[in-house]
mmCIF file of all heavy atoms, coordinates in Angstrom:
data_MODEL
# 
_entry.id   MODEL 
# 
loop_
_atom_site.group_PDB 
_atom_site.id 
_atom_site.type_symbol 
_atom_site.label_atom_id 
_atom_site.label_alt_id 
_atom_site.label_comp_id 
_atom_site.label_asym_id 
_atom_site.label_entity_id 
_atom_site.label_seq_id 
_atom_site.pdbx_PDB_ins_code 
_atom_site.Cartn_x 
_atom_site.Cartn_y 
_atom_site.Cartn_z 
_atom_site.occupancy 
_atom_site.B_iso_or_equiv 
_atom_site.pdbx_formal_charge 
_atom_site.auth_seq_id 
_atom_site.auth_comp_id 
_atom_site.auth_asym_id 
_atom_site.auth_atom_id 
_atom_site.pdbx_PDB_model_num 
ATOM 1   N N   . LEU A 1 1  ? 3.717   5.839   -2.692 1.00 0.00 ? 1  LEU A N   1 
ATOM 2   C CA  . LEU A 1 1  ? 4.065   4.713   -1.897 1.00 0.00 ? 1  LEU A CA  1 
ATOM 3   C C   . LEU A 1 1  ? 4.314   3.527   -2.544 1.00 0.00 ? 1  LEU A C   1 
ATOM 4   O O   . LEU A 1 1  ? 5.360   2.754   -2.406 1.00 0.00 ? 1  LEU A O   1 
ATOM 5   C CB  . LEU A 1 1  ? 3.092   4.457   -0.828 1.00 0.00 ? 1  LEU A CB  1 
ATOM 6   C CG  . LEU A 1 1  ? 2.979   5.602   0.304  1.00 0.00 ? 1  LEU A CG  1 
ATOM 7   C CD1 . LEU A 1 1  ? 1.952   5.374   1.170  1.00 0.00 ? 1  LEU A CD1 1 
ATOM 8   C CD2 . LEU A 1 1  ? 4.284   5.771   1.125  1.00 0.00 ? 1  LEU A CD2 1 
ATOM 9   N N   . LYS A 1 2  ? 3.525   3.313   -3.779 1.00 0.00 ? 2  LYS A N   1 
ATOM 10  C CA  . LYS A 1 2  ? 3.822   2.050   -4.604 1.00 0.00 ? 2  LYS A CA  1 
ATOM 11  C C   . LYS A 1 2  ? 5.204   2.257   -5.324 1.00 0.00 ? 2  LYS A C   1 
ATOM 12  O O   . LYS A 1 2  ? 5.962   1.300   -5.521 1.00 0.00 ? 2  LYS A O   1 
ATOM 13  C CB  . LYS A 1 2  ? 2.654   1.954   -5.769 1.00 0.00 ? 2  LYS A CB  1 
ATOM 14  C CG  . LYS A 1 2  ? 1.372   1.458   -5.127 1.00 0.00 ? 2  LYS A CG  1 
ATOM 15  C CD  . LYS A 1 2  ? 0.216   1.557   -5.992 1.00 0.00 ? 2  LYS A CD  1 
ATOM 16  C CE  . LYS A 1 2  ? 0.304   0.812   -7.356 1.00 0.00 ? 2  LYS A CE  1 
ATOM 17  N NZ  . LYS A 1 2  ? -0.835  0.967   -8.198 1.00 0.00 ? 2  LYS A NZ  1 
ATOM 18  N N   . MET A 1 3  ? 5.372   3.469   -5.830 1.00 0.00 ? 3  MET A N   1 
ATOM 19  C CA  . MET A 1 3  ? 6.733   3.741   -6.433 1.00 0.00 ? 3  MET A CA  1 
ATOM 20  C C   . MET A 1 3  ? 7.894   3.551   -5.508 1.00 0.00 ? 3  MET A C   1 
ATOM 21  O O   . MET A 1 3  ? 9.031   3.129   -5.950 1.00 0.00 ? 3  MET A O   1 
ATOM 22  C CB  . MET A 1 3  ? 6.794   5.108   -7.007 1.00 0.00 ? 3  MET A CB  1 
ATOM 23  C CG  . MET A 1 3  ? 6.005   5.403   -8.318 1.00 0.00 ? 3  MET A CG  1 
ATOM 24  S SD  . MET A 1 3  ? 6.226   6.879   -9.164 1.00 0.00 ? 3  MET A SD  1 
ATOM 25  C CE  . MET A 1 3  ? 5.377   7.939   -7.995 1.00 0.00 ? 3  MET A CE  1 
ATOM 26  N N   . GLU A 1 4  ? 7.633   3.822   -4.137 1.00 0.00 ? 4  GLU A N   1 
ATOM 27  C CA  . GLU A 1 4  ? 8.608   3.568   -3.104 1.00 0.00 ? 4  GLU A CA  1 
ATOM 28  C C   . GLU A 1 4  ? 8.721   2.165   -2.743 1.00 0.00 ? 4  GLU A C   1 
ATOM 29  O O   . GLU A 1 4  ? 9.606   1.921   -1.855 1.00 0.00 ? 4  GLU A O   1 
ATOM 30  C CB  . GLU A 1 4  ? 8.361   4.546   -1.875 1.00 0.00 ? 4  GLU A CB  1 
ATOM 31  C CG  . GLU A 1 4  ? 8.510   6.036   -2.149 1.00 0.00 ? 4  GLU A CG  1 
ATOM 32  C CD  . GLU A 1 4  ? 9.823   6.401   -2.456 1.00 0.00 ? 4  GLU A CD  1 
ATOM 33  O OE1 . GLU A 1 4  ? 10.767  5.766   -1.761 1.00 0.00 ? 4  GLU A OE1 1 
ATOM 34  O OE2 . GLU A 1 4  ? 10.112  7.474   -3.136 1.00 0.00 ? 4  GLU A OE2 1 
ATOM 35  N N   . GLY A 1 5  ? 7.929   1.168   -3.349 1.00 0.00 ? 5  GLY A N   1 
ATOM 36  C CA  . GLY A 1 5  ? 8.086   -0.159  -3.051 1.00 0.00 ? 5  GLY A CA  1 
ATOM 37  C C   . GLY A 1 5  ? 7.242   -0.695  -1.942 1.00 0.00 ? 5  GLY A C   1 
ATOM 38  O O   . GLY A 1 5  ? 7.191   -1.854  -1.584 1.00 0.00 ? 5  GLY A O   1 
ATOM 39  N N   . PHE A 1 6  ? 6.230   0.152   -1.615 1.00 0.00 ? 6  PHE A N   1 
ATOM 40  C CA  . PHE A 1 6  ? 5.261   -0.358  -0.628 1.00 0.00 ? 6  PHE A CA  1 
ATOM 41  C C   . PHE A 1 6  ? 4.111   -1.192  -1.190 1.00 0.00 ? 6  PHE A C   1 
ATOM 42  O O   . PHE A 1 6  ? 3.523   -0.749  -2.342 1.00 0.00 ? 6  PHE A O   1 
ATOM 43  C CB  . PHE A 1 6  ? 4.755   0.746   0.269  1.00 0.00 ? 6  PHE A CB  1 
ATOM 44  C CG  . PHE A 1 6  ? 5.636   1.300   1.230  1.00 0.00 ? 6  PHE A CG  1 
ATOM 45  C CD1 . PHE A 1 6  ? 6.643   2.300   0.877  1.00 0.00 ? 6  PHE A CD1 1 
ATOM 46  C CD2 . PHE A 1 6  ? 5.766   0.759   2.510  1.00 0.00 ? 6  PHE A CD2 1 
ATOM 47  C CE1 . PHE A 1 6  ? 7.556   2.797   1.746  1.00 0.00 ? 6  PHE A CE1 1 
ATOM 48  C CE2 . PHE A 1 6  ? 6.751   1.335   3.373  1.00 0.00 ? 6  PHE A CE2 1 
ATOM 49  C CZ  . PHE A 1 6  ? 7.505   2.331   3.059  1.00 0.00 ? 6  PHE A CZ  1 
ATOM 50  N N   . LYS A 1 7  ? 3.604   -2.167  -0.640 1.00 0.00 ? 7  LYS A N   1 
ATOM 51  C CA  . LYS A 1 7  ? 2.450   -3.024  -0.981 1.00 0.00 ? 7  LYS A CA  1 
ATOM 52  C C   . LYS A 1 7  ? 1.272   -2.432  -0.510 1.00 0.00 ? 7  LYS A C   1 
ATOM 53  O O   . LYS A 1 7  ? 1.109   -2.085  0.649  1.00 0.00 ? 7  LYS A O   1 
ATOM 54  C CB  . LYS A 1 7  ? 2.597   -4.451  -0.503 1.00 0.00 ? 7  LYS A CB  1 
ATOM 55  C CG  . LYS A 1 7  ? 1.378   -5.321  -0.925 1.00 0.00 ? 7  LYS A CG  1 
ATOM 56  C CD  . LYS A 1 7  ? 1.735   -6.735  -0.391 1.00 0.00 ? 7  LYS A CD  1 
ATOM 57  C CE  . LYS A 1 7  ? 0.283   -7.621  -0.674 1.00 0.00 ? 7  LYS A CE  1 
ATOM 58  N NZ  . LYS A 1 7  ? -0.058  -7.591  -2.072 1.00 0.00 ? 7  LYS A NZ  1 
ATOM 59  N N   . ILE A 1 8  ? 0.400   -2.077  -1.488 1.00 0.00 ? 8  ILE A N   1 
ATOM 60  C CA  . ILE A 1 8  ? -0.891  -1.383  -1.310 1.00 0.00 ? 8  ILE A CA  1 
ATOM 61  C C   . ILE A 1 8  ? -1.990  -2.467  -1.293 1.00 0.00 ? 8  ILE A C   1 
ATOM 62  O O   . ILE A 1 8  ? -2.114  -3.043  -2.407 1.00 0.00 ? 8  ILE A O   1 
ATOM 63  C CB  . ILE A 1 8  ? -1.094  -0.251  -2.141 1.00 0.00 ? 8  ILE A CB  1 
ATOM 64  C CG1 . ILE A 1 8  ? 0.005   0.806   -2.088 1.00 0.00 ? 8  ILE A CG1 1 
ATOM 65  C CG2 . ILE A 1 8  ? -2.399  0.498   -1.748 1.00 0.00 ? 8  ILE A CG2 1 
ATOM 66  C CD1 . ILE A 1 8  ? 0.308   1.486   -0.715 1.00 0.00 ? 8  ILE A CD1 1 
ATOM 67  N N   . VAL A 1 9  ? -2.862  -2.579  -0.339 1.00 0.00 ? 9  VAL A N   1 
ATOM 68  C CA  . VAL A 1 9  ? -4.030  -3.439  -0.322 1.00 0.00 ? 9  VAL A CA  1 
ATOM 69  C C   . VAL A 1 9  ? -4.937  -3.018  -1.442 1.00 0.00 ? 9  VAL A C   1 
ATOM 70  O O   . VAL A 1 9  ? -5.284  -1.953  -1.578 1.00 0.00 ? 9  VAL A O   1 
ATOM 71  C CB  . VAL A 1 9  ? -4.651  -3.561  0.989  1.00 0.00 ? 9  VAL A CB  1 
ATOM 72  C CG1 . VAL A 1 9  ? -5.956  -4.404  0.952  1.00 0.00 ? 9  VAL A CG1 1 
ATOM 73  C CG2 . VAL A 1 9  ? -3.743  -4.080  2.097  1.00 0.00 ? 9  VAL A CG2 1 
ATOM 74  N N   . THR A 1 10 ? -5.225  -3.986  -2.334 1.00 0.00 ? 10 THR A N   1 
ATOM 75  C CA  . THR A 1 10 ? -6.139  -3.895  -3.515 1.00 0.00 ? 10 THR A CA  1 
ATOM 76  C C   . THR A 1 10 ? -5.334  -3.192  -4.636 1.00 0.00 ? 10 THR A C   1 
ATOM 77  O O   . THR A 1 10 ? -5.885  -2.833  -5.711 1.00 0.00 ? 10 THR A O   1 
ATOM 78  C CB  . THR A 1 10 ? -7.479  -3.147  -3.380 1.00 0.00 ? 10 THR A CB  1 
ATOM 79  O OG1 . THR A 1 10 ? -7.315  -1.727  -3.129 1.00 0.00 ? 10 THR A OG1 1 
ATOM 80  C CG2 . THR A 1 10 ? -8.213  -3.681  -2.068 1.00 0.00 ? 10 THR A CG2 1 
ATOM 81  N N   . ASN A 1 11 ? -4.092  -2.807  -4.376 1.00 0.00 ? 11 ASN A N   1 
ATOM 82  C CA  . ASN A 1 11 ? -3.251  -2.141  -5.247 1.00 0.00 ? 11 ASN A CA  1 
ATOM 83  C C   . ASN A 1 11 ? -3.872  -0.757  -5.733 1.00 0.00 ? 11 ASN A C   1 
ATOM 84  O O   . ASN A 1 11 ? -3.287  -0.333  -6.868 1.00 0.00 ? 11 ASN A O   1 
ATOM 85  C CB  . ASN A 1 11 ? -3.011  -2.993  -6.622 1.00 0.00 ? 11 ASN A CB  1 
ATOM 86  C CG  . ASN A 1 11 ? -1.897  -2.659  -7.426 1.00 0.00 ? 11 ASN A CG  1 
ATOM 87  O OD1 . ASN A 1 11 ? -0.822  -2.367  -6.853 1.00 0.00 ? 11 ASN A OD1 1 
ATOM 88  N ND2 . ASN A 1 11 ? -2.016  -2.526  -8.723 1.00 0.00 ? 11 ASN A ND2 1 
ATOM 89  N N   . GLY A 1 12 ? -4.566  -0.145  -4.890 1.00 0.00 ? 12 GLY A N   1 
ATOM 90  C CA  . GLY A 1 12 ? -5.079  1.166   -5.184 1.00 0.00 ? 12 GLY A CA  1 
ATOM 91  C C   . GLY A 1 12 ? -6.145  1.659   -4.319 1.00 0.00 ? 12 GLY A C   1 
ATOM 92  O O   . GLY A 1 12 ? -6.485  1.085   -3.203 1.00 0.00 ? 12 GLY A O   1 
ATOM 93  N N   . THR A 1 13 ? -6.867  2.785   -4.689 1.00 0.00 ? 13 THR A N   1 
ATOM 94  C CA  . THR A 1 13 ? -7.954  3.389   -4.020 1.00 0.00 ? 13 THR A CA  1 
ATOM 95  C C   . THR A 1 13 ? -8.916  3.984   -4.876 1.00 0.00 ? 13 THR A C   1 
ATOM 96  O O   . THR A 1 13 ? -8.443  4.532   -5.801 1.00 0.00 ? 13 THR A O   1 
ATOM 97  C CB  . THR A 1 13 ? -7.432  4.221   -2.868 1.00 0.00 ? 13 THR A CB  1 
ATOM 98  O OG1 . THR A 1 13 ? -8.598  4.736   -2.058 1.00 0.00 ? 13 THR A OG1 1 
ATOM 99  C CG2 . THR A 1 13 ? -6.608  5.473   -3.326 1.00 0.00 ? 13 THR A CG2 1 
ATOM 100 N N   . ASP A 1 14 ? -10.144 3.843   -4.540 1.00 0.00 ? 14 ASP A N   1 
ATOM 101 C CA  . ASP A 1 14 ? -11.303 4.600   -5.190 1.00 0.00 ? 14 ASP A CA  1 
ATOM 102 C C   . ASP A 1 14 ? -11.714 5.804   -4.322 1.00 0.00 ? 14 ASP A C   1 
ATOM 103 O O   . ASP A 1 14 ? -12.601 6.609   -4.696 1.00 0.00 ? 14 ASP A O   1 
ATOM 104 C CB  . ASP A 1 14 ? -12.520 3.685   -5.505 1.00 0.00 ? 14 ASP A CB  1 
ATOM 105 C CG  . ASP A 1 14 ? -12.024 2.713   -6.452 1.00 0.00 ? 14 ASP A CG  1 
ATOM 106 O OD1 . ASP A 1 14 ? -11.151 2.784   -7.424 1.00 0.00 ? 14 ASP A OD1 1 
ATOM 107 O OD2 . ASP A 1 14 ? -12.535 1.592   -6.377 1.00 0.00 ? 14 ASP A OD2 1 
ATOM 108 N N   . ASN A 1 15 ? -11.358 5.888   -3.025 1.00 0.00 ? 15 ASN A N   1 
ATOM 109 C CA  . ASN A 1 15 ? -11.966 6.760   -2.072 1.00 0.00 ? 15 ASN A CA  1 
ATOM 110 C C   . ASN A 1 15 ? -10.939 7.673   -1.289 1.00 0.00 ? 15 ASN A C   1 
ATOM 111 O O   . ASN A 1 15 ? -10.051 8.131   -1.951 1.00 0.00 ? 15 ASN A O   1 
ATOM 112 C CB  . ASN A 1 15 ? -12.941 6.077   -1.162 1.00 0.00 ? 15 ASN A CB  1 
ATOM 113 C CG  . ASN A 1 15 ? -12.339 4.811   -0.422 1.00 0.00 ? 15 ASN A CG  1 
ATOM 114 O OD1 . ASN A 1 15 ? -11.114 4.985   -0.157 1.00 0.00 ? 15 ASN A OD1 1 
ATOM 115 N ND2 . ASN A 1 15 ? -13.095 3.843   -0.066 1.00 0.00 ? 15 ASN A ND2 1 
ATOM 116 N N   . HIS A 1 16 ? -11.154 7.753   -0.010 1.00 0.00 ? 16 HIS A N   1 
ATOM 117 C CA  . HIS A 1 16 ? -10.387 8.665   0.765  1.00 0.00 ? 16 HIS A CA  1 
ATOM 118 C C   . HIS A 1 16 ? -9.301  8.029   1.607  1.00 0.00 ? 16 HIS A C   1 
ATOM 119 O O   . HIS A 1 16 ? -8.497  8.659   2.298  1.00 0.00 ? 16 HIS A O   1 
ATOM 120 C CB  . HIS A 1 16 ? -11.347 9.364   1.904  1.00 0.00 ? 16 HIS A CB  1 
ATOM 121 C CG  . HIS A 1 16 ? -11.905 8.278   2.679  1.00 0.00 ? 16 HIS A CG  1 
ATOM 122 N ND1 . HIS A 1 16 ? -12.784 7.392   2.378  1.00 0.00 ? 16 HIS A ND1 1 
ATOM 123 C CD2 . HIS A 1 16 ? -11.888 8.207   4.081  1.00 0.00 ? 16 HIS A CD2 1 
ATOM 124 C CE1 . HIS A 1 16 ? -13.160 6.668   3.390  1.00 0.00 ? 16 HIS A CE1 1 
ATOM 125 N NE2 . HIS A 1 16 ? -12.656 7.120   4.463  1.00 0.00 ? 16 HIS A NE2 1 
ATOM 126 N N   . LEU A 1 17 ? -9.119  6.726   1.397  1.00 0.00 ? 17 LEU A N   1 
ATOM 127 C CA  . LEU A 1 17 ? -8.158  5.979   2.277  1.00 0.00 ? 17 LEU A CA  1 
ATOM 128 C C   . LEU A 1 17 ? -7.417  4.931   1.475  1.00 0.00 ? 17 LEU A C   1 
ATOM 129 O O   . LEU A 1 17 ? -7.866  4.510   0.382  1.00 0.00 ? 17 LEU A O   1 
ATOM 130 C CB  . LEU A 1 17 ? -8.810  5.292   3.487  1.00 0.00 ? 17 LEU A CB  1 
ATOM 131 C CG  . LEU A 1 17 ? -9.869  4.230   3.239  1.00 0.00 ? 17 LEU A CG  1 
ATOM 132 C CD1 . LEU A 1 17 ? -9.273  2.871   3.099  1.00 0.00 ? 17 LEU A CD1 1 
ATOM 133 C CD2 . LEU A 1 17 ? -10.816 4.214   4.415  1.00 0.00 ? 17 LEU A CD2 1 
ATOM 134 N N   . LEU A 1 18 ? -6.282  4.479   1.993  1.00 0.00 ? 18 LEU A N   1 
ATOM 135 C CA  . LEU A 1 18 ? -5.596  3.407   1.467  1.00 0.00 ? 18 LEU A CA  1 
ATOM 136 C C   . LEU A 1 18 ? -4.926  2.528   2.620  1.00 0.00 ? 18 LEU A C   1 
ATOM 137 O O   . LEU A 1 18 ? -4.696  3.148   3.732  1.00 0.00 ? 18 LEU A O   1 
ATOM 138 C CB  . LEU A 1 18 ? -4.453  3.817   0.503  1.00 0.00 ? 18 LEU A CB  1 
ATOM 139 C CG  . LEU A 1 18 ? -3.425  4.901   1.144  1.00 0.00 ? 18 LEU A CG  1 
ATOM 140 C CD1 . LEU A 1 18 ? -2.027  4.615   0.649  1.00 0.00 ? 18 LEU A CD1 1 
ATOM 141 C CD2 . LEU A 1 18 ? -3.862  6.288   0.539  1.00 0.00 ? 18 LEU A CD2 1 
ATOM 142 N N   . LEU A 1 19 ? -4.740  1.305   2.403  1.00 0.00 ? 19 LEU A N   1 
ATOM 143 C CA  . LEU A 1 19 ? -4.117  0.371   3.366  1.00 0.00 ? 19 LEU A CA  1 
ATOM 144 C C   . LEU A 1 19 ? -2.814  0.094   2.890  1.00 0.00 ? 19 LEU A C   1 
ATOM 145 O O   . LEU A 1 19 ? -2.545  -0.448  1.834  1.00 0.00 ? 19 LEU A O   1 
ATOM 146 C CB  . LEU A 1 19 ? -4.887  -0.897  3.492  1.00 0.00 ? 19 LEU A CB  1 
ATOM 147 C CG  . LEU A 1 19 ? -6.286  -0.635  4.324  1.00 0.00 ? 19 LEU A CG  1 
ATOM 148 C CD1 . LEU A 1 19 ? -7.071  -2.020  4.328  1.00 0.00 ? 19 LEU A CD1 1 
ATOM 149 C CD2 . LEU A 1 19 ? -6.061  -0.283  5.796  1.00 0.00 ? 19 LEU A CD2 1 
ATOM 150 N N   . VAL A 1 20 ? -1.773  0.224   3.742  1.00 0.00 ? 20 VAL A N   1 
ATOM 151 C CA  . VAL A 1 20 ? -0.407  -0.192  3.350  1.00 0.00 ? 20 VAL A CA  1 
ATOM 152 C C   . VAL A 1 20 ? 0.007   -1.433  4.220  1.00 0.00 ? 20 VAL A C   1 
ATOM 153 O O   . VAL A 1 20 ? -0.082  -1.502  5.459  1.00 0.00 ? 20 VAL A O   1 
ATOM 154 C CB  . VAL A 1 20 ? 0.554   1.068   3.708  1.00 0.00 ? 20 VAL A CB  1 
ATOM 155 C CG1 . VAL A 1 20 ? 2.006   0.593   3.355  1.00 0.00 ? 20 VAL A CG1 1 
ATOM 156 C CG2 . VAL A 1 20 ? 0.115   2.372   3.113  1.00 0.00 ? 20 VAL A CG2 1 
ATOM 157 N N   . ASP A 1 21 ? 0.496   -2.343  3.509  1.00 0.00 ? 21 ASP A N   1 
ATOM 158 C CA  . ASP A 1 21 ? 0.867   -3.637  4.128  1.00 0.00 ? 21 ASP A CA  1 
ATOM 159 C C   . ASP A 1 21 ? 2.322   -3.494  4.518  1.00 0.00 ? 21 ASP A C   1 
ATOM 160 O O   . ASP A 1 21 ? 3.324   -3.815  3.628  1.00 0.00 ? 21 ASP A O   1 
ATOM 161 C CB  . ASP A 1 21 ? 0.831   -4.827  3.239  1.00 0.00 ? 21 ASP A CB  1 
ATOM 162 C CG  . ASP A 1 21 ? 1.074   -6.177  3.835  1.00 0.00 ? 21 ASP A CG  1 
ATOM 163 O OD1 . ASP A 1 21 ? 1.898   -6.185  4.867  1.00 0.00 ? 21 ASP A OD1 1 
ATOM 164 O OD2 . ASP A 1 21 ? 0.529   -7.259  3.329  1.00 0.00 ? 21 ASP A OD2 1 
ATOM 165 N N   . THR A 1 22 ? 2.685   -2.958  5.655  1.00 0.00 ? 22 THR A N   1 
ATOM 166 C CA  . THR A 1 22 ? 3.985   -2.705  6.166  1.00 0.00 ? 22 THR A CA  1 
ATOM 167 C C   . THR A 1 22 ? 4.814   -3.816  6.411  1.00 0.00 ? 22 THR A C   1 
ATOM 168 O O   . THR A 1 22 ? 5.991   -3.916  6.291  1.00 0.00 ? 22 THR A O   1 
ATOM 169 C CB  . THR A 1 22 ? 3.947   -1.771  7.328  1.00 0.00 ? 22 THR A CB  1 
ATOM 170 O OG1 . THR A 1 22 ? 3.060   -2.352  8.391  1.00 0.00 ? 22 THR A OG1 1 
ATOM 171 C CG2 . THR A 1 22 ? 3.489   -0.386  6.995  1.00 0.00 ? 22 THR A CG2 1 
ATOM 172 N N   . LYS A 1 23 ? 4.171   -5.009  6.885  1.00 0.00 ? 23 LYS A N   1 
ATOM 173 C CA  . LYS A 1 23 ? 4.810   -6.142  7.229  1.00 0.00 ? 23 LYS A CA  1 
ATOM 174 C C   . LYS A 1 23 ? 5.411   -6.745  5.932  1.00 0.00 ? 23 LYS A C   1 
ATOM 175 O O   . LYS A 1 23 ? 6.612   -7.066  6.076  1.00 0.00 ? 23 LYS A O   1 
ATOM 176 C CB  . LYS A 1 23 ? 3.782   -7.169  7.779  1.00 0.00 ? 23 LYS A CB  1 
ATOM 177 C CG  . LYS A 1 23 ? 4.482   -8.391  8.444  1.00 0.00 ? 23 LYS A CG  1 
ATOM 178 C CD  . LYS A 1 23 ? 5.261   -7.985  9.743  1.00 0.00 ? 23 LYS A CD  1 
ATOM 179 C CE  . LYS A 1 23 ? 5.774   -9.309  10.388 1.00 0.00 ? 23 LYS A CE  1 
ATOM 180 N NZ  . LYS A 1 23 ? 6.467   -8.886  11.540 1.00 0.00 ? 23 LYS A NZ  1 
ATOM 181 N N   . LYS A 1 24 ? 4.650   -6.865  4.854  1.00 0.00 ? 24 LYS A N   1 
ATOM 182 C CA  . LYS A 1 24 ? 5.322   -7.442  3.582  1.00 0.00 ? 24 LYS A CA  1 
ATOM 183 C C   . LYS A 1 24 ? 6.205   -6.502  2.874  1.00 0.00 ? 24 LYS A C   1 
ATOM 184 O O   . LYS A 1 24 ? 7.269   -6.831  2.247  1.00 0.00 ? 24 LYS A O   1 
ATOM 185 C CB  . LYS A 1 24 ? 4.138   -7.882  2.657  1.00 0.00 ? 24 LYS A CB  1 
ATOM 186 C CG  . LYS A 1 24 ? 3.511   -9.051  3.172  1.00 0.00 ? 24 LYS A CG  1 
ATOM 187 C CD  . LYS A 1 24 ? 2.583   -9.585  2.101  1.00 0.00 ? 24 LYS A CD  1 
ATOM 188 C CE  . LYS A 1 24 ? 1.912   -10.985 2.381  1.00 0.00 ? 24 LYS A CE  1 
ATOM 189 N NZ  . LYS A 1 24 ? 0.918   -11.383 1.411  1.00 0.00 ? 24 LYS A NZ  1 
ATOM 190 N N   . SER A 1 25 ? 5.962   -5.242  3.126  1.00 0.00 ? 25 SER A N   1 
ATOM 191 C CA  . SER A 1 25 ? 6.726   -4.161  2.405  1.00 0.00 ? 25 SER A CA  1 
ATOM 192 C C   . SER A 1 25 ? 8.141   -4.115  3.141  1.00 0.00 ? 25 SER A C   1 
ATOM 193 O O   . SER A 1 25 ? 9.078   -4.139  2.334  1.00 0.00 ? 25 SER A O   1 
ATOM 194 C CB  . SER A 1 25 ? 6.018   -2.833  2.489  1.00 0.00 ? 25 SER A CB  1 
ATOM 195 O OG  . SER A 1 25 ? 4.767   -2.838  1.838  1.00 0.00 ? 25 SER A OG  1 
ATOM 196 N N   . ILE A 1 26 ? 8.214   -3.847  4.421  1.00 0.00 ? 26 ILE A N   1 
ATOM 197 C CA  . ILE A 1 26 ? 9.490   -3.533  5.053  1.00 0.00 ? 26 ILE A CA  1 
ATOM 198 C C   . ILE A 1 26 ? 9.654   -4.329  6.352  1.00 0.00 ? 26 ILE A C   1 
ATOM 199 O O   . ILE A 1 26 ? 10.562  -4.082  7.073  1.00 0.00 ? 26 ILE A O   1 
ATOM 200 C CB  . ILE A 1 26 ? 9.654   -1.992  5.375  1.00 0.00 ? 26 ILE A CB  1 
ATOM 201 C CG1 . ILE A 1 26 ? 8.463   -1.584  6.153  1.00 0.00 ? 26 ILE A CG1 1 
ATOM 202 C CG2 . ILE A 1 26 ? 9.872   -1.305  4.140  1.00 0.00 ? 26 ILE A CG2 1 
ATOM 203 C CD1 . ILE A 1 26 ? 8.449   -0.094  6.602  1.00 0.00 ? 26 ILE A CD1 1 
ATOM 204 N N   . GLY A 1 27 ? 8.916   -5.327  6.596  1.00 0.00 ? 27 GLY A N   1 
ATOM 205 C CA  . GLY A 1 27 ? 9.054   -6.198  7.769  1.00 0.00 ? 27 GLY A CA  1 
ATOM 206 C C   . GLY A 1 27 ? 8.692   -5.566  9.013  1.00 0.00 ? 27 GLY A C   1 
ATOM 207 O O   . GLY A 1 27 ? 9.123   -6.040  10.095 1.00 0.00 ? 27 GLY A O   1 
# 
């Protein structure tokens, strides 16, 4: 998703989940 241009909260993950900021990524 990062390579596809999406903004990921904390820029990554250490566990089982990730948060995608869709508002900033694609409005």
